[in-house]
Every structure is written in C-alpha cells, then in structure tokens.
Protein backbone atom coordinates (compact mmCIF):
# COMPACT_ATOMS: atom_id res chain seq x y z
CA MET A 1 3.28 33.24 73.69
CA LYS A 2 1.92 36.47 74.86
CA ALA A 3 -1.14 36.29 72.59
CA GLU A 4 -1.89 32.82 73.64
CA VAL A 5 -1.96 33.82 77.16
CA GLN A 6 -4.20 36.93 76.56
CA LYS A 7 -6.65 34.43 74.85
CA VAL A 8 -6.69 32.16 77.70
CA LEU A 9 -7.13 35.10 80.34
CA GLU A 10 -10.29 36.32 78.27
CA THR A 11 -11.79 32.96 79.14
CA ILE A 12 -11.15 33.65 82.79
CA ARG A 13 -11.97 37.18 82.95
CA PRO A 14 -15.86 36.73 83.16
CA ALA A 15 -15.57 34.83 86.48
CA LEU A 16 -13.30 37.55 88.08
CA GLN A 17 -15.50 40.43 86.68
CA ALA A 18 -18.55 38.58 88.23
CA ASP A 19 -17.02 39.18 91.69
CA GLY A 20 -15.93 42.72 90.94
CA GLY A 21 -12.30 41.85 89.82
CA ASP A 22 -10.42 41.49 86.81
CA VAL A 23 -6.92 40.32 85.70
CA GLU A 24 -4.42 42.41 83.49
CA LEU A 25 -1.62 40.71 81.56
CA VAL A 26 1.64 42.80 82.36
CA ASP A 27 4.29 40.50 80.60
CA VAL A 28 5.47 37.26 79.53
CA VAL A 29 9.12 36.46 80.19
CA GLY A 30 10.17 32.94 79.14
CA GLY A 31 7.61 30.43 80.94
CA VAL A 32 6.74 33.17 83.62
CA VAL A 33 3.46 35.14 83.05
CA LYS A 34 3.07 38.32 85.24
CA VAL A 35 -0.31 39.54 85.92
CA ARG A 36 -1.80 42.12 88.00
CA LEU A 37 -5.26 41.41 89.86
CA THR A 38 -7.31 44.68 89.92
CA GLY A 39 -10.73 45.66 91.43
CA ALA A 40 -11.96 43.47 94.04
CA CYS A 41 -9.34 40.87 93.24
CA GLY A 42 -6.59 43.20 94.18
CA SER A 43 -7.36 43.51 97.73
CA CYS A 44 -9.15 40.02 98.35
CA PRO A 45 -7.59 37.97 100.96
CA MET A 46 -8.26 34.90 98.59
CA ALA A 47 -6.28 36.60 95.60
CA THR A 48 -3.48 34.16 96.25
CA MET A 49 -5.87 31.11 95.83
CA THR A 50 -7.38 32.69 92.75
CA LEU A 51 -3.97 33.49 91.39
CA LYS A 52 -2.49 29.91 91.88
CA GLY A 53 -5.61 27.68 91.89
CA GLY A 54 -7.68 29.41 89.12
CA ILE A 55 -5.42 31.63 86.78
CA GLU A 56 -2.04 29.51 87.00
CA ALA A 57 -3.74 26.06 86.81
CA THR A 58 -5.86 27.14 83.74
CA LEU A 59 -2.89 28.90 81.93
CA LYS A 60 -0.75 25.69 82.55
CA ARG A 61 -3.29 23.33 81.27
CA GLU A 62 -3.98 25.24 78.15
CA ILE A 63 -0.27 26.43 77.43
CA PRO A 64 2.14 23.73 78.62
CA SER A 65 5.17 26.13 78.22
CA VAL A 66 3.94 28.22 81.12
CA GLU A 67 6.02 27.42 84.21
CA ARG A 68 4.35 29.78 86.62
CA VAL A 69 2.20 32.99 87.15
CA ASP A 70 3.43 36.00 89.39
CA GLN A 71 1.49 38.85 90.58
CA VAL A 72 3.03 41.95 90.15
C-alpha cells in the first residue's frame, strides 16, 4: 500500500509546492498513513486543514483502505 500512497501524494504535491510547502511520506501502518509537512506547510496555521481536508480526503477517496492520515 505504501507505493499506492506515494503515487497519490505525487498528485497532491504540486499544489503544496506552489505555496512553498511539501509533504513527505514517513510510513504506512495498517490503514494509518504518517506524513510530514515541510517547508511553508510545516509552520502554516492552516496545516491541519490541508492535512485533513486535502491530503487525508484525497487518500481516502483514492485508496479505500486508508483509515486516517497523521502528521508526525
């Protein structure tokens, strides 16, 4: 599943990079995806919304076995 998650993150990455940020896949444990927001996204007050409303929603839609996304 890690390869599938990475593939979906590659589709999300350009939008984050356009705002000076990025996302890094740390691990996948069961249905939990662990990511690190970097650059501008790492310190942005909207990071939680980006994580849950953007990254998590997209991953859940594309990969039904994803239960949640945690920031580490």
